[in-house]
Structure formats: structure tokens, C-alpha cells
Amino acid sequence: MAKLSDELAATLAEAGEGLEALQEEVIEAGFDPDDPASVQAAIDHVDHAIDTKIARFRGNRLVGEATDAIKAECRANILQQVEAAGTNRGTRTLH
């Protein structure tokens, strides 16, 4: 039983580190909302930046779930900016 508790404690400690790393990350992506290739490149850039930041935590399920949620939030943010009328063009902070 102690081994399971030790493993759980280690997993939670690692998750805390990974989540803190994600929380501290600021990602900027410039894109042209009128150019679908530019929009996709911005989404890919954000995904890559997040993946790079959490690479050492990749096996941690809690960090993985948070990563997926943050990526979805950033994608939605980009797509909302594309759809918004009168959006300022240029670099934006996404997370």
C-alpha cells in the first residue's frame, strides 16, 4: 500500500510542476485572420509551444488533460479572433 501512495504522491507532485509550467507560459502567435494557412500555422505554433513546455511531463495524465484543455482554449481564442469583426491584426497573447 505504501508503494501506491508513494507513486500517487510522485504523480501529483509532478502534475503540480507541469501545471505550474503551463500556467506560467505566455504564448504569442501572429496570424492573418483572412488567410486560413496563417491561422493554421498559428494554431500549430501554439500546440508546438505547449508540447515543448510540457515534454518532460508527457506521461502524467493530469498534465496531459490540462494540456489538451489549454490547447483547445487557445484554438478557440484564435478562431474567435478570426470570426470577430474589426479584429486588430497582428500578434496576440493567447494564454
C-alpha atoms as a PDB file:
ATOM      1  CA  MET A   1       0.000   0.000   0.000  1.00  0.00           C
ATOM      2  CA  ALA A   2       2.862   2.388   0.747  1.00  0.00           C
ATOM      3  CA  LYS A   3       4.163   1.920  -2.787  1.00  0.00           C
ATOM      4  CA  LEU A   4       0.833   3.030  -4.292  1.00  0.00           C
ATOM      5  CA  SER A   5       0.749   6.051  -2.007  1.00  0.00           C
ATOM      6  CA  ASP A   6       4.335   6.928  -2.944  1.00  0.00           C
ATOM      7  CA  GLU A   7       3.506   6.618  -6.649  1.00  0.00           C
ATOM      8  CA  LEU A   8       0.403   8.758  -6.255  1.00  0.00           C
ATOM      9  CA  ALA A   9       2.330  11.390  -4.321  1.00  0.00           C
ATOM     10  CA  ALA A  10       5.015  11.458  -7.018  1.00  0.00           C
ATOM     11  CA  THR A  11       2.394  11.731  -9.769  1.00  0.00           C
ATOM     12  CA  LEU A  12       0.658  14.595  -8.001  1.00  0.00           C
ATOM     13  CA  ALA A  13       3.931  16.407  -7.320  1.00  0.00           C
ATOM     14  CA  GLU A  14       4.925  16.059 -10.974  1.00  0.00           C
ATOM     15  CA  ALA A  15       1.460  17.227 -12.054  1.00  0.00           C
ATOM     16  CA  GLY A  16       1.851  20.291  -9.856  1.00  0.00           C
ATOM     17  CA  GLU A  17       5.142  21.122 -11.552  1.00  0.00           C
ATOM     18  CA  GLY A  18       3.702  20.581 -15.009  1.00  0.00           C
ATOM     19  CA  LEU A  19       0.595  22.634 -14.326  1.00  0.00           C
ATOM     20  CA  GLU A  20       2.701  25.447 -12.917  1.00  0.00           C
ATOM     21  CA  ALA A  21       4.865  25.386 -16.050  1.00  0.00           C
ATOM     22  CA  LEU A  22       1.741  25.636 -18.201  1.00  0.00           C
ATOM     23  CA  GLN A  23       0.291  28.434 -16.094  1.00  0.00           C
ATOM     24  CA  GLU A  24       3.475  30.497 -16.398  1.00  0.00           C
ATOM     25  CA  GLU A  25       3.759  30.055 -20.174  1.00  0.00           C
ATOM     26  CA  VAL A  26       2.899  33.063 -22.326  1.00  0.00           C
ATOM     27  CA  ILE A  27       2.376  32.203 -25.961  1.00  0.00           C
ATOM     28  CA  GLU A  28       2.095  34.740 -28.720  1.00  0.00           C
ATOM     29  CA  ALA A  29       1.150  33.958 -32.284  1.00  0.00           C
ATOM     30  CA  GLY A  30       0.850  36.336 -35.169  1.00  0.00           C
ATOM     31  CA  PHE A  31      -1.573  35.457 -37.941  1.00  0.00           C
ATOM     32  CA  ASP A  32      -3.604  36.918 -40.746  1.00  0.00           C
ATOM     33  CA  PRO A  33      -7.262  36.190 -39.962  1.00  0.00           C
ATOM     34  CA  ASP A  34      -8.028  36.356 -43.684  1.00  0.00           C
ATOM     35  CA  ASP A  35      -5.521  33.617 -44.539  1.00  0.00           C
ATOM     36  CA  PRO A  36      -6.534  30.079 -43.483  1.00  0.00           C
ATOM     37  CA  ALA A  37      -2.936  28.840 -43.836  1.00  0.00           C
ATOM     38  CA  SER A  38      -1.741  31.586 -41.495  1.00  0.00           C
ATOM     39  CA  VAL A  39      -4.453  30.718 -38.979  1.00  0.00           C
ATOM     40  CA  GLN A  40      -3.499  27.028 -39.086  1.00  0.00           C
ATOM     41  CA  ALA A  41       0.175  27.931 -38.708  1.00  0.00           C
ATOM     42  CA  ALA A  42      -0.686  29.944 -35.575  1.00  0.00           C
ATOM     43  CA  ILE A  43      -2.630  27.001 -34.125  1.00  0.00           C
ATOM     44  CA  ASP A  44       0.270  24.668 -34.916  1.00  0.00           C
ATOM     45  CA  HIS A  45       2.714  27.131 -33.328  1.00  0.00           C
ATOM     46  CA  VAL A  46       0.682  27.244 -30.107  1.00  0.00           C
ATOM     47  CA  ASP A  47       0.343  23.449 -29.971  1.00  0.00           C
ATOM     48  CA  HIS A  48       4.092  23.035 -30.500  1.00  0.00           C
ATOM     49  CA  ALA A  49       4.962  25.643 -27.854  1.00  0.00           C
ATOM     50  CA  ILE A  50       2.722  23.912 -25.316  1.00  0.00           C
ATOM     51  CA  ASP A  51       4.067  20.452 -26.212  1.00  0.00           C
ATOM     52  CA  THR A  52       7.620  21.709 -25.832  1.00  0.00           C
ATOM     53  CA  LYS A  53       6.869  23.234 -22.430  1.00  0.00           C
ATOM     54  CA  ILE A  54       5.396  20.016 -21.007  1.00  0.00           C
ATOM     55  CA  ALA A  55       7.649  17.499 -22.775  1.00  0.00           C
ATOM     56  CA  ARG A  56       9.186  16.191 -19.554  1.00  0.00           C
ATOM     57  CA  PHE A  57       5.702  15.664 -18.050  1.00  0.00           C
ATOM     58  CA  ARG A  58       4.297  13.825 -21.069  1.00  0.00           C
ATOM     59  CA  GLY A  59       3.487  10.621 -19.167  1.00  0.00           C
ATOM     60  CA  ASN A  60       1.482  12.410 -16.482  1.00  0.00           C
ATOM     61  CA  ARG A  61      -2.240  12.045 -17.189  1.00  0.00           C
ATOM     62  CA  LEU A  62      -3.223  15.135 -15.193  1.00  0.00           C
ATOM     63  CA  VAL A  63      -0.790  17.316 -17.113  1.00  0.00           C
ATOM     64  CA  GLY A  64      -1.980  15.730 -20.366  1.00  0.00           C
ATOM     65  CA  GLU A  65      -5.596  16.593 -19.621  1.00  0.00           C
ATOM     66  CA  ALA A  66      -4.700  20.168 -18.699  1.00  0.00           C
ATOM     67  CA  THR A  67      -2.599  20.441 -21.854  1.00  0.00           C
ATOM     68  CA  ASP A  68      -5.495  19.304 -24.032  1.00  0.00           C
ATOM     69  CA  ALA A  69      -7.798  21.845 -22.371  1.00  0.00           C
ATOM     70  CA  ILE A  70      -5.329  24.711 -22.807  1.00  0.00           C
ATOM     71  CA  LYS A  71      -4.730  23.816 -26.461  1.00  0.00           C
ATOM     72  CA  ALA A  72      -8.491  23.787 -27.067  1.00  0.00           C
ATOM     73  CA  GLU A  73      -8.834  27.155 -25.315  1.00  0.00           C
ATOM     74  CA  CYS A  74      -6.070  28.659 -27.436  1.00  0.00           C
ATOM     75  CA  ARG A  75      -7.530  27.243 -30.664  1.00  0.00           C
ATOM     76  CA  ALA A  76     -10.936  28.636 -29.748  1.00  0.00           C
ATOM     77  CA  ASN A  77      -9.345  32.016 -28.969  1.00  0.00           C
ATOM     78  CA  ILE A  78      -7.667  32.119 -32.383  1.00  0.00           C
ATOM     79  CA  LEU A  79     -10.844  31.092 -34.192  1.00  0.00           C
ATOM     80  CA  GLN A  80     -12.909  33.651 -32.268  1.00  0.00           C
ATOM     81  CA  GLN A  81     -10.471  36.342 -33.305  1.00  0.00           C
ATOM     82  CA  VAL A  82     -10.758  35.211 -36.916  1.00  0.00           C
ATOM     83  CA  GLU A  83     -14.550  35.469 -36.761  1.00  0.00           C
ATOM     84  CA  ALA A  84     -14.712  38.731 -34.841  1.00  0.00           C
ATOM     85  CA  ALA A  85     -15.454  41.772 -36.939  1.00  0.00           C
ATOM     86  CA  GLY A  86     -12.992  44.602 -36.590  1.00  0.00           C
ATOM     87  CA  THR A  87     -10.310  42.409 -35.021  1.00  0.00           C
ATOM     88  CA  ASN A  88      -6.950  44.119 -34.791  1.00  0.00           C
ATOM     89  CA  ARG A  89      -4.420  42.321 -36.944  1.00  0.00           C
ATOM     90  CA  GLY A  90      -1.066  41.162 -35.569  1.00  0.00           C
ATOM     91  CA  THR A  91       0.450  39.354 -32.620  1.00  0.00           C
ATOM     92  CA  ARG A  92      -1.794  38.351 -29.745  1.00  0.00           C
ATOM     93  CA  THR A  93      -1.265  36.787 -26.328  1.00  0.00           C
ATOM     94  CA  LEU A  94      -3.290  33.587 -26.296  1.00  0.00           C
ATOM     95  CA  HIS A  95      -2.620  32.119 -22.861  1.00  0.00           C
END
